[in-house]
Amino acid sequence: MRDFIQEDCGRYLRRAVKKGESFSMVLFDPPTFARSKSGSFSVKTDYSRYLGMIEPLGCQLVLSVINTHSVSEDEYFHFTQRNGKMNFFMHESEDFPSESEHYLKVGLWSVR
């Protein structure tokens, strides 16, 4: 079974943990920056914290995505290494060449 949830990620994760929900896999692909009535999200400052919020859901795998030049590969690995073991990593295909550092970072990692 799969669920597609459209909601503020932080609010949903807090509620899911409180309810004791669990998932076998989570896809985490937040916007680079978002503002709402309840606050804001910045991939540079909040990404790692939100990944940490996924851990109590009992999932074994997380597919995490960052799609911006403002976060380097080193930063991406730093975010994810705190919360698990990287199994697979890739960035945009050669069909979408980048003049500077890769903008797309996608990793599949095992939660500790």
PDB file of N, CA and C in Angstrom:
ATOM      1  N   MET A   1       0.829  -1.173   0.000  1.00  0.00           N
ATOM      2  CA  MET A   1       0.000   0.000   0.000  1.00  0.00           C
ATOM      3  C   MET A   1       0.879   1.244   0.000  1.00  0.00           C
ATOM      4  N   ARG A   2       0.410   2.316  -0.624  1.00  0.00           N
ATOM      5  CA  ARG A   2       1.172   3.554  -0.628  1.00  0.00           C
ATOM      6  C   ARG A   2       0.240   4.715  -0.307  1.00  0.00           C
ATOM      7  N   ASP A   3       0.805   5.747   0.251  1.00  0.00           N
ATOM      8  CA  ASP A   3       0.063   6.964   0.556  1.00  0.00           C
ATOM      9  C   ASP A   3       0.809   8.139  -0.034  1.00  0.00           C
ATOM     10  N   PHE A   4       0.068   9.061  -0.596  1.00  0.00           N
ATOM     11  CA  PHE A   4       0.625  10.336  -1.037  1.00  0.00           C
ATOM     12  C   PHE A   4      -0.002  11.389  -0.149  1.00  0.00           C
ATOM     13  N   ILE A   5       0.805  12.072   0.595  1.00  0.00           N
ATOM     14  CA  ILE A   5       0.302  12.999   1.597  1.00  0.00           C
ATOM     15  C   ILE A   5       0.713  14.407   1.215  1.00  0.00           C
ATOM     16  N   GLN A   6      -0.268  15.269   1.099  1.00  0.00           N
ATOM     17  CA  GLN A   6       0.010  16.674   0.789  1.00  0.00           C
ATOM     18  C   GLN A   6      -0.335  17.484   2.031  1.00  0.00           C
ATOM     19  N   GLU A   7       0.699  17.853   2.769  1.00  0.00           N
ATOM     20  CA  GLU A   7       0.515  18.570   4.024  1.00  0.00           C
ATOM     21  C   GLU A   7       1.864  19.122   4.444  1.00  0.00           C
ATOM     22  N   ASP A   8       1.850  20.052   5.350  1.00  0.00           N
ATOM     23  CA  ASP A   8       3.094  20.530   5.926  1.00  0.00           C
ATOM     24  C   ASP A   8       3.828  19.335   6.519  1.00  0.00           C
ATOM     25  N   CYS A   9       5.039  19.100   6.066  1.00  0.00           N
ATOM     26  CA  CYS A   9       5.806  17.911   6.435  1.00  0.00           C
ATOM     27  C   CYS A   9       6.048  17.820   7.940  1.00  0.00           C
ATOM     28  N   GLY A  10       6.460  18.910   8.542  1.00  0.00           N
ATOM     29  CA  GLY A  10       6.736  18.898   9.974  1.00  0.00           C
ATOM     30  C   GLY A  10       5.505  18.567  10.784  1.00  0.00           C
ATOM     31  N   ARG A  11       4.385  19.173  10.443  1.00  0.00           N
ATOM     32  CA  ARG A  11       3.134  18.921  11.159  1.00  0.00           C
ATOM     33  C   ARG A  11       2.727  17.443  10.996  1.00  0.00           C
ATOM     34  N   TYR A  12       2.833  16.939   9.767  1.00  0.00           N
ATOM     35  CA  TYR A  12       2.461  15.547   9.529  1.00  0.00           C
ATOM     36  C   TYR A  12       3.377  14.590  10.295  1.00  0.00           C
ATOM     37  N   LEU A  13       4.684  14.823  10.232  1.00  0.00           N
ATOM     38  CA  LEU A  13       5.621  13.929  10.906  1.00  0.00           C
ATOM     39  C   LEU A  13       5.389  13.907  12.415  1.00  0.00           C
ATOM     40  N   ARG A  14       5.174  15.066  13.018  1.00  0.00           N
ATOM     41  CA  ARG A  14       4.922  15.106  14.464  1.00  0.00           C
ATOM     42  C   ARG A  14       3.667  14.300  14.819  1.00  0.00           C
ATOM     43  N   ARG A  15       2.606  14.460  14.031  1.00  0.00           N
ATOM     44  CA  ARG A  15       1.360  13.743  14.286  1.00  0.00           C
ATOM     45  C   ARG A  15       1.539  12.231  14.061  1.00  0.00           C
ATOM     46  N   ALA A  16       2.232  11.841  12.998  1.00  0.00           N
ATOM     47  CA  ALA A  16       2.444  10.428  12.697  1.00  0.00           C
ATOM     48  C   ALA A  16       3.244   9.737  13.800  1.00  0.00           C
ATOM     49  N   VAL A  17       4.270  10.402  14.307  1.00  0.00           N
ATOM     50  CA  VAL A  17       5.075   9.841  15.393  1.00  0.00           C
ATOM     51  C   VAL A  17       4.214   9.690  16.642  1.00  0.00           C
ATOM     52  N   LYS A  18       3.423  10.708  16.943  1.00  0.00           N
ATOM     53  CA  LYS A  18       2.553  10.680  18.120  1.00  0.00           C
ATOM     54  C   LYS A  18       1.547   9.520  18.035  1.00  0.00           C
ATOM     55  N   LYS A  19       1.038   9.250  16.824  1.00  0.00           N
ATOM     56  CA  LYS A  19       0.070   8.162  16.617  1.00  0.00           C
ATOM     57  C   LYS A  19       0.745   6.795  16.544  1.00  0.00           C
ATOM     58  N   GLY A  20       2.069   6.756  16.468  1.00  0.00           N
ATOM     59  CA  GLY A  20       2.791   5.497  16.368  1.00  0.00           C
ATOM     60  C   GLY A  20       2.727   4.878  14.982  1.00  0.00           C
ATOM     61  N   GLU A  21       2.502   5.694  13.965  1.00  0.00           N
ATOM     62  CA  GLU A  21       2.446   5.180  12.590  1.00  0.00           C
ATOM     63  C   GLU A  21       3.833   4.720  12.148  1.00  0.00           C
ATOM     64  N   SER A  22       3.845   3.789  11.199  1.00  0.00           N
ATOM     65  CA  SER A  22       5.128   3.342  10.655  1.00  0.00           C
ATOM     66  C   SER A  22       4.999   3.165   9.145  1.00  0.00           C
ATOM     67  N   PHE A  23       6.128   3.284   8.476  1.00  0.00           N
ATOM     68  CA  PHE A  23       6.201   3.163   7.026  1.00  0.00           C
ATOM     69  C   PHE A  23       7.437   2.345   6.685  1.00  0.00           C
ATOM     70  N   SER A  24       7.370   1.559   5.610  1.00  0.00           N
ATOM     71  CA  SER A  24       8.546   0.793   5.210  1.00  0.00           C
ATOM     72  C   SER A  24       9.538   1.674   4.456  1.00  0.00           C
ATOM     73  N   MET A  25       9.022   2.707   3.762  1.00  0.00           N
ATOM     74  CA  MET A  25       9.889   3.617   3.012  1.00  0.00           C
ATOM     75  C   MET A  25       9.263   5.000   2.978  1.00  0.00           C
ATOM     76  N   VAL A  26      10.110   6.013   3.016  1.00  0.00           N
ATOM     77  CA  VAL A  26       9.654   7.399   2.936  1.00  0.00           C
ATOM     78  C   VAL A  26      10.415   8.096   1.814  1.00  0.00           C
ATOM     79  N   LEU A  27       9.698   8.849   0.996  1.00  0.00           N
ATOM     80  CA  LEU A  27      10.304   9.713  -0.023  1.00  0.00           C
ATOM     81  C   LEU A  27      10.255  11.127   0.531  1.00  0.00           C
ATOM     82  N   PHE A  28      11.422  11.735   0.712  1.00  0.00           N
ATOM     83  CA  PHE A  28      11.503  13.072   1.283  1.00  0.00           C
ATOM     84  C   PHE A  28      12.079  14.021   0.234  1.00  0.00           C
ATOM     85  N   ASP A  29      11.215  14.859  -0.333  1.00  0.00           N
ATOM     86  CA  ASP A  29      11.589  15.770  -1.416  1.00  0.00           C
ATOM     87  C   ASP A  29      10.960  17.147  -1.157  1.00  0.00           C
ATOM     88  N   PRO A  30      11.482  17.866  -0.175  1.00  0.00           N
ATOM     89  CA  PRO A  30      10.885  19.161   0.161  1.00  0.00           C
ATOM     90  C   PRO A  30      11.324  20.257  -0.807  1.00  0.00           C
ATOM     91  N   PRO A  31      10.613  21.378  -0.776  1.00  0.00           N
ATOM     92  CA  PRO A  31      11.058  22.521  -1.577  1.00  0.00           C
ATOM     93  C   PRO A  31      12.358  23.085  -0.999  1.00  0.00           C
ATOM     94  N   THR A  32      13.080  23.822  -1.797  1.00  0.00           N
ATOM     95  CA  THR A  32      14.306  24.460  -1.304  1.00  0.00           C
ATOM     96  C   THR A  32      13.977  25.467  -0.211  1.00  0.00           C
ATOM     97  N   PHE A  33      12.907  26.202  -0.409  1.00  0.00           N
ATOM     98  CA  PHE A  33      12.459  27.171   0.587  1.00  0.00           C
ATOM     99  C   PHE A  33      10.946  27.282   0.491  1.00  0.00           C
ATOM    100  N   ALA A  34      10.290  27.362   1.639  1.00  0.00           N
ATOM    101  CA  ALA A  34       8.839  27.531   1.658  1.00  0.00           C
ATOM    102  C   ALA A  34       8.450  28.376   2.866  1.00  0.00           C
ATOM    103  N   ARG A  35       7.413  29.138   2.695  1.00  0.00           N
ATOM    104  CA  ARG A  35       6.891  29.975   3.766  1.00  0.00           C
ATOM    105  C   ARG A  35       5.402  29.663   3.913  1.00  0.00           C
ATOM    106  N   SER A  36       4.945  29.540   5.159  1.00  0.00           N
ATOM    107  CA  SER A  36       3.528  29.302   5.424  1.00  0.00           C
ATOM    108  C   SER A  36       3.104  30.116   6.638  1.00  0.00           C
ATOM    109  N   LYS A  37       1.848  30.000   7.007  1.00  0.00           N
ATOM    110  CA  LYS A  37       1.340  30.723   8.174  1.00  0.00           C
ATOM    111  C   LYS A  37       2.063  30.299   9.449  1.00  0.00           C
ATOM    112  N   SER A  38       2.465  29.033   9.497  1.00  0.00           N
ATOM    113  CA  SER A  38       3.085  28.514  10.716  1.00  0.00           C
ATOM    114  C   SER A  38       4.606  28.674  10.760  1.00  0.00           C
ATOM    115  N   GLY A  39       5.210  29.200   9.706  1.00  0.00           N
ATOM    116  CA  GLY A  39       6.660  29.381   9.712  1.00  0.00           C
ATOM    117  C   GLY A  39       7.252  29.206   8.330  1.00  0.00           C
ATOM    118  N   SER A  40       8.511  28.843   8.298  1.00  0.00           N
ATOM    119  CA  SER A  40       9.192  28.663   7.022  1.00  0.00           C
ATOM    120  C   SER A  40      10.071  27.417   7.077  1.00  0.00           C
ATOM    121  N   PHE A  41      10.465  26.956   5.898  1.00  0.00           N
ATOM    122  CA  PHE A  41      11.359  25.819   5.757  1.00  0.00           C
ATOM    123  C   PHE A  41      12.472  26.230   4.822  1.00  0.00           C
ATOM    124  N   SER A  42      13.696  25.958   5.211  1.00  0.00           N
ATOM    125  CA  SER A  42      14.855  26.193   4.365  1.00  0.00           C
ATOM    126  C   SER A  42      15.659  24.900   4.317  1.00  0.00           C
ATOM    127  N   VAL A  43      15.954  24.441   3.114  1.00  0.00           N
ATOM    128  CA  VAL A  43      16.700  23.203   2.972  1.00  0.00           C
ATOM    129  C   VAL A  43      18.067  23.316   3.661  1.00  0.00           C
ATOM    130  N   LYS A  44      18.662  24.495   3.669  1.00  0.00           N
ATOM    131  CA  LYS A  44      19.989  24.686   4.283  1.00  0.00           C
ATOM    132  C   LYS A  44      19.942  24.515   5.798  1.00  0.00           C
ATOM    133  N   THR A  45      18.875  24.952   6.432  1.00  0.00           N
ATOM    134  CA  THR A  45      18.831  24.927   7.898  1.00  0.00           C
ATOM    135  C   THR A  45      17.931  23.855   8.491  1.00  0.00           C
ATOM    136  N   ASP A  46      16.965  23.344   7.739  1.00  0.00           N
ATOM    137  CA  ASP A  46      15.965  22.444   8.312  1.00  0.00           C
ATOM    138  C   ASP A  46      16.002  21.009   7.792  1.00  0.00           C
ATOM    139  N   TYR A  47      16.680  20.762   6.696  1.00  0.00           N
ATOM    140  CA  TYR A  47      16.642  19.449   6.047  1.00  0.00           C
ATOM    141  C   TYR A  47      17.050  18.323   6.991  1.00  0.00           C
ATOM    142  N   SER A  48      18.183  18.448   7.636  1.00  0.00           N
ATOM    143  CA  SER A  48      18.690  17.397   8.511  1.00  0.00           C
ATOM    144  C   SER A  48      17.739  17.143   9.684  1.00  0.00           C
ATOM    145  N   ARG A  49      17.181  18.191  10.237  1.00  0.00           N
ATOM    146  CA  ARG A  49      16.250  18.051  11.367  1.00  0.00           C
ATOM    147  C   ARG A  49      15.017  17.259  10.940  1.00  0.00           C
ATOM    148  N   TYR A  50      14.503  17.542   9.760  1.00  0.00           N
ATOM    149  CA  TYR A  50      13.328  16.828   9.267  1.00  0.00           C
ATOM    150  C   TYR A  50      13.658  15.363   8.974  1.00  0.00           C
ATOM    151  N   LEU A  51      14.839  15.095   8.453  1.00  0.00           N
ATOM    152  CA  LEU A  51      15.245  13.699   8.267  1.00  0.00           C
ATOM    153  C   LEU A  51      15.265  12.972   9.608  1.00  0.00           C
ATOM    154  N   GLY A  52      15.728  13.637  10.642  1.00  0.00           N
ATOM    155  CA  GLY A  52      15.731  13.049  11.979  1.00  0.00           C
ATOM    156  C   GLY A  52      14.328  12.756  12.485  1.00  0.00           C
ATOM    157  N   MET A  53      13.358  13.549  12.065  1.00  0.00           N
ATOM    158  CA  MET A  53      11.967  13.334  12.470  1.00  0.00           C
ATOM    159  C   MET A  53      11.385  12.086  11.811  1.00  0.00           C
ATOM    160  N   ILE A  54      11.972  11.632  10.721  1.00  0.00           N
ATOM    161  CA  ILE A  54      11.481  10.442  10.012  1.00  0.00           C
ATOM    162  C   ILE A  54      11.877   9.162  10.756  1.00  0.00           C
ATOM    163  N   GLU A  55      13.001   9.173  11.444  1.00  0.00           N
ATOM    164  CA  GLU A  55      13.522   7.971  12.104  1.00  0.00           C
ATOM    165  C   GLU A  55      12.506   7.241  12.983  1.00  0.00           C
ATOM    166  N   PRO A  56      11.756   7.934  13.843  1.00  0.00           N
ATOM    167  CA  PRO A  56      10.814   7.215  14.721  1.00  0.00           C
ATOM    168  C   PRO A  56       9.665   6.519  13.991  1.00  0.00           C
ATOM    169  N   LEU A  57       9.517   6.734  12.689  1.00  0.00           N
ATOM    170  CA  LEU A  57       8.429   6.104  11.944  1.00  0.00           C
ATOM    171  C   LEU A  57       8.722   4.651  11.606  1.00  0.00           C
ATOM    172  N   GLY A  58       9.862   4.157  12.003  1.00  0.00           N
ATOM    173  CA  GLY A  58      10.189   2.753  11.827  1.00  0.00           C
ATOM    174  C   GLY A  58      10.511   2.354  10.394  1.00  0.00           C
ATOM    175  N   CYS A  59      10.687   3.323   9.517  1.00  0.00           N
ATOM    176  CA  CYS A  59      10.981   2.973   8.130  1.00  0.00           C
ATOM    177  C   CYS A  59      12.422   2.493   8.010  1.00  0.00           C
ATOM    178  N   GLN A  60      12.629   1.614   7.061  1.00  0.00           N
ATOM    179  CA  GLN A  60      13.967   1.081   6.844  1.00  0.00           C
ATOM    180  C   GLN A  60      14.715   1.878   5.795  1.00  0.00           C
ATOM    181  N   LEU A  61      13.988   2.452   4.835  1.00  0.00           N
ATOM    182  CA  LEU A  61      14.623   3.174   3.739  1.00  0.00           C
ATOM    183  C   LEU A  61      14.025   4.571   3.582  1.00  0.00           C
ATOM    184  N   VAL A  62      14.885   5.514   3.241  1.00  0.00           N
ATOM    185  CA  VAL A  62      14.454   6.874   2.917  1.00  0.00           C
ATOM    186  C   VAL A  62      15.107   7.265   1.598  1.00  0.00           C
ATOM    187  N   LEU A  63      14.290   7.718   0.670  1.00  0.00           N
ATOM    188  CA  LEU A  63      14.794   8.296  -0.570  1.00  0.00           C
ATOM    189  C   LEU A  63      14.723   9.798  -0.374  1.00  0.00           C
ATOM    190  N   SER A  64      15.870  10.441  -0.269  1.00  0.00           N
ATOM    191  CA  SER A  64      15.902  11.870   0.016  1.00  0.00           C
ATOM    192  C   SER A  64      16.446  12.633  -1.184  1.00  0.00           C
ATOM    193  N   VAL A  65      15.837  13.785  -1.434  1.00  0.00           N
ATOM    194  CA  VAL A  65      16.142  14.564  -2.620  1.00  0.00           C
ATOM    195  C   VAL A  65      16.398  16.019  -2.227  1.00  0.00           C
ATOM    196  N   ILE A  66      17.401  16.614  -2.843  1.00  0.00           N
ATOM    197  CA  ILE A  66      17.623  18.054  -2.775  1.00  0.00           C
ATOM    198  C   ILE A  66      17.849  18.516  -4.205  1.00  0.00           C
ATOM    199  N   ASN A  67      17.148  19.564  -4.604  1.00  0.00           N
ATOM    200  CA  ASN A  67      17.211  20.027  -5.986  1.00  0.00           C
ATOM    201  C   ASN A  67      17.564  21.512  -6.010  1.00  0.00           C
ATOM    202  N   THR A  68      18.823  21.814  -5.699  1.00  0.00           N
ATOM    203  CA  THR A  68      19.286  23.205  -5.700  1.00  0.00           C
ATOM    204  C   THR A  68      20.808  23.260  -5.754  1.00  0.00           C
ATOM    205  N   HIS A  69      21.320  24.316  -6.367  1.00  0.00           N
ATOM    206  CA  HIS A  69      22.765  24.559  -6.380  1.00  0.00           C
ATOM    207  C   HIS A  69      23.259  25.044  -5.018  1.00  0.00           C
ATOM    208  N   SER A  70      22.350  25.555  -4.186  1.00  0.00           N
ATOM    209  CA  SER A  70      22.774  26.172  -2.927  1.00  0.00           C
ATOM    210  C   SER A  70      23.236  25.157  -1.882  1.00  0.00           C
ATOM    211  N   VAL A  71      23.008  23.873  -2.117  1.00  0.00           N
ATOM    212  CA  VAL A  71      23.481  22.828  -1.213  1.00  0.00           C
ATOM    213  C   VAL A  71      24.467  21.952  -1.990  1.00  0.00           C
ATOM    214  N   SER A  72      25.681  21.871  -1.499  1.00  0.00           N
ATOM    215  CA  SER A  72      26.713  21.074  -2.174  1.00  0.00           C
ATOM    216  C   SER A  72      26.514  19.587  -1.870  1.00  0.00           C
ATOM    217  N   GLU A  73      27.205  18.739  -2.637  1.00  0.00           N
ATOM    218  CA  GLU A  73      27.171  17.299  -2.353  1.00  0.00           C
ATOM    219  C   GLU A  73      27.685  17.025  -0.953  1.00  0.00           C
ATOM    220  N   ASP A  74      28.740  17.705  -0.539  1.00  0.00           N
ATOM    221  CA  ASP A  74      29.275  17.510   0.814  1.00  0.00           C
ATOM    222  C   ASP A  74      28.224  17.830   1.870  1.00  0.00           C
ATOM    223  N   GLU A  75      27.504  18.934   1.685  1.00  0.00           N
ATOM    224  CA  GLU A  75      26.443  19.291   2.637  1.00  0.00           C
ATOM    225  C   GLU A  75      25.352  18.223   2.639  1.00  0.00           C
ATOM    226  N   TYR A  76      24.971  17.764   1.456  1.00  0.00           N
ATOM    227  CA  TYR A  76      23.943  16.729   1.357  1.00  0.00           C
ATOM    228  C   TYR A  76      24.364  15.479   2.132  1.00  0.00           C
ATOM    229  N   PHE A  77      25.597  15.025   1.919  1.00  0.00           N
ATOM    230  CA  PHE A  77      26.072  13.844   2.636  1.00  0.00           C
ATOM    231  C   PHE A  77      26.118  14.100   4.133  1.00  0.00           C
ATOM    232  N   HIS A  78      26.504  15.288   4.527  1.00  0.00           N
ATOM    233  CA  HIS A  78      26.533  15.633   5.949  1.00  0.00           C
ATOM    234  C   HIS A  78      25.127  15.543   6.547  1.00  0.00           C
ATOM    235  N   PHE A  79      24.128  16.046   5.823  1.00  0.00           N
ATOM    236  CA  PHE A  79      22.740  15.973   6.298  1.00  0.00           C
ATOM    237  C   PHE A  79      22.312  14.529   6.523  1.00  0.00           C
ATOM    238  N   THR A  80      22.610  13.664   5.574  1.00  0.00           N
ATOM    239  CA  THR A  80      22.097  12.297   5.631  1.00  0.00           C
ATOM    240  C   THR A  80      22.936  11.385   6.515  1.00  0.00           C
ATOM    241  N   GLN A  81      24.226  11.629   6.639  1.00  0.00           N
ATOM    242  CA  GLN A  81      25.083  10.752   7.442  1.00  0.00           C
ATOM    243  C   GLN A  81      24.720  10.784   8.909  1.00  0.00           C
ATOM    244  N   ARG A  82      24.123  11.850   9.358  1.00  0.00           N
ATOM    245  CA  ARG A  82      23.699  11.921  10.761  1.00  0.00           C
ATOM    246  C   ARG A  82      22.597  10.915  11.057  1.00  0.00           C
ATOM    247  N   ASN A  83      21.834  10.559  10.026  1.00  0.00           N
ATOM    248  CA  ASN A  83      20.613   9.799  10.246  1.00  0.00           C
ATOM    249  C   ASN A  83      20.601   8.409   9.619  1.00  0.00           C
ATOM    250  N   GLY A  84      21.651   8.003   8.954  1.00  0.00           N
ATOM    251  CA  GLY A  84      21.619   6.678   8.345  1.00  0.00           C
ATOM    252  C   GLY A  84      22.829   6.387   7.492  1.00  0.00           C
ATOM    253  N   LYS A  85      22.745   5.283   6.765  1.00  0.00           N
ATOM    254  CA  LYS A  85      23.831   4.830   5.902  1.00  0.00           C
ATOM    255  C   LYS A  85      23.393   4.961   4.454  1.00  0.00           C
ATOM    256  N   MET A  86      24.192   5.657   3.662  1.00  0.00           N
ATOM    257  CA  MET A  86      23.877   5.869   2.249  1.00  0.00           C
ATOM    258  C   MET A  86      24.084   4.570   1.477  1.00  0.00           C
ATOM    259  N   ASN A  87      23.057   4.138   0.745  1.00  0.00           N
ATOM    260  CA  ASN A  87      23.129   2.935  -0.076  1.00  0.00           C
ATOM    261  C   ASN A  87      23.346   3.253  -1.556  1.00  0.00           C
ATOM    262  N   PHE A  88      22.863   4.403  -1.970  1.00  0.00           N
ATOM    263  CA  PHE A  88      22.881   4.756  -3.390  1.00  0.00           C
ATOM    264  C   PHE A  88      22.818   6.274  -3.488  1.00  0.00           C
ATOM    265  N   PHE A  89      23.583   6.848  -4.430  1.00  0.00           N
ATOM    266  CA  PHE A  89      23.558   8.299  -4.638  1.00  0.00           C
ATOM    267  C   PHE A  89      23.665   8.588  -6.125  1.00  0.00           C
ATOM    268  N   MET A  90      22.938   9.607  -6.571  1.00  0.00           N
ATOM    269  CA  MET A  90      23.048  10.042  -7.965  1.00  0.00           C
ATOM    270  C   MET A  90      22.650  11.511  -8.071  1.00  0.00           C
ATOM    271  N   HIS A  91      22.948  12.096  -9.229  1.00  0.00           N
ATOM    272  CA  HIS A  91      22.492  13.452  -9.515  1.00  0.00           C
ATOM    273  C   HIS A  91      21.916  13.479 -10.914  1.00  0.00           C
ATOM    274  N   GLU A  92      21.578  14.678 -11.399  1.00  0.00           N
ATOM    275  CA  GLU A  92      20.891  14.784 -12.694  1.00  0.00           C
ATOM    276  C   GLU A  92      21.665  14.050 -13.783  1.00  0.00           C
ATOM    277  N   SER A  93      20.924  13.592 -14.776  1.00  0.00           N
ATOM    278  CA  SER A  93      21.553  12.840 -15.866  1.00  0.00           C
ATOM    279  C   SER A  93      22.328  13.784 -16.778  1.00  0.00           C
ATOM    280  N   GLU A  94      23.104  13.225 -17.657  1.00  0.00           N
ATOM    281  CA  GLU A  94      23.893  14.019 -18.600  1.00  0.00           C
ATOM    282  C   GLU A  94      23.003  14.781 -19.579  1.00  0.00           C
ATOM    283  N   ASP A  95      21.719  14.404 -19.678  1.00  0.00           N
ATOM    284  CA  ASP A  95      20.770  15.124 -20.532  1.00  0.00           C
ATOM    285  C   ASP A  95      20.528  16.550 -20.033  1.00  0.00           C
ATOM    286  N   PHE A  96      20.833  16.780 -18.742  1.00  0.00           N
ATOM    287  CA  PHE A  96      20.626  18.084 -18.130  1.00  0.00           C
ATOM    288  C   PHE A  96      21.958  18.590 -17.589  1.00  0.00           C
ATOM    289  N   PRO A  97      22.841  19.015 -18.470  1.00  0.00           N
ATOM    290  CA  PRO A  97      24.172  19.437 -18.012  1.00  0.00           C
ATOM    291  C   PRO A  97      24.098  20.670 -17.110  1.00  0.00           C
ATOM    292  N   SER A  98      25.009  20.717 -16.182  1.00  0.00           N
ATOM    293  CA  SER A  98      25.080  21.822 -15.236  1.00  0.00           C
ATOM    294  C   SER A  98      26.412  22.539 -15.417  1.00  0.00           C
ATOM    295  N   GLU A  99      26.365  23.855 -15.454  1.00  0.00           N
ATOM    296  CA  GLU A  99      27.598  24.627 -15.632  1.00  0.00           C
ATOM    297  C   GLU A  99      28.430  24.678 -14.361  1.00  0.00           C
ATOM    298  N   SER A 100      27.801  24.518 -13.235  1.00  0.00           N
ATOM    299  CA  SER A 100      28.534  24.519 -11.975  1.00  0.00           C
ATOM    300  C   SER A 100      28.301  23.171 -11.290  1.00  0.00           C
ATOM    301  N   GLU A 101      28.333  23.150  -9.991  1.00  0.00           N
ATOM    302  CA  GLU A 101      28.118  21.912  -9.251  1.00  0.00           C
ATOM    303  C   GLU A 101      26.713  21.365  -9.544  1.00  0.00           C
ATOM    304  N   HIS A 102      26.555  20.073  -9.425  1.00  0.00           N
ATOM    305  CA  HIS A 102      25.260  19.438  -9.670  1.00  0.00           C
ATOM    306  C   HIS A 102      24.190  20.025  -8.752  1.00  0.00           C
ATOM    307  N   TYR A 103      23.015  20.239  -9.321  1.00  0.00           N
ATOM    308  CA  TYR A 103      21.919  20.775  -8.527  1.00  0.00           C
ATOM    309  C   TYR A 103      21.076  19.666  -7.905  1.00  0.00           C
ATOM    310  N   LEU A 104      20.964  18.517  -8.558  1.00  0.00           N
ATOM    311  CA  LEU A 104      20.122  17.437  -8.058  1.00  0.00           C
ATOM    312  C   LEU A 104      20.959  16.442  -7.271  1.00  0.00           C
ATOM    313  N   LYS A 105      20.536  16.181  -6.047  1.00  0.00           N
ATOM    314  CA  LYS A 105      21.177  15.166  -5.209  1.00  0.00           C
ATOM    315  C   LYS A 105      20.081  14.226  -4.739  1.00  0.00           C
ATOM    316  N   VAL A 106      20.217  12.941  -5.053  1.00  0.00           N
ATOM    317  CA  VAL A 106      19.232  11.933  -4.686  1.00  0.00           C
ATOM    318  C   VAL A 106      19.961  10.784  -4.013  1.00  0.00           C
ATOM    319  N   GLY A 107      19.504  10.410  -2.847  1.00  0.00           N
ATOM    320  CA  GLY A 107      20.138   9.314  -2.136  1.00  0.00           C
ATOM    321  C   GLY A 107      19.119   8.369  -1.545  1.00  0.00           C
ATOM    322  N   LEU A 108      19.446   7.107  -1.562  1.00  0.00           N
ATOM    323  CA  LEU A 108      18.652   6.087  -0.894  1.00  0.00           C
ATOM    324  C   LEU A 108      19.485   5.630   0.289  1.00  0.00           C
ATOM    325  N   TRP A 109      18.957   5.790   1.502  1.00  0.00           N
ATOM    326  CA  TRP A 109      19.744   5.444   2.672  1.00  0.00           C
ATOM    327  C   TRP A 109      18.936   4.620   3.657  1.00  0.00           C
ATOM    328  N   SER A 110      19.645   3.822   4.411  1.00  0.00           N
ATOM    329  CA  SER A 110      19.037   2.970   5.443  1.00  0.00           C
ATOM    330  C   SER A 110      19.038   3.735   6.744  1.00  0.00           C
ATOM    331  N   VAL A 111      17.904   3.737   7.404  1.00  0.00           N
ATOM    332  CA  VAL A 111      17.773   4.410   8.692  1.00  0.00           C
ATOM    333  C   VAL A 111      18.420   3.545   9.756  1.00  0.00           C
ATOM    334  N   ARG A 112      19.120   4.178  10.661  1.00  0.00           N
ATOM    335  CA  ARG A 112      19.792   3.447  11.749  1.00  0.00           C
ATOM    336  C   ARG A 112      18.803   2.925  12.743  1.00  0.00           C
TER     337      ARG A 112
END
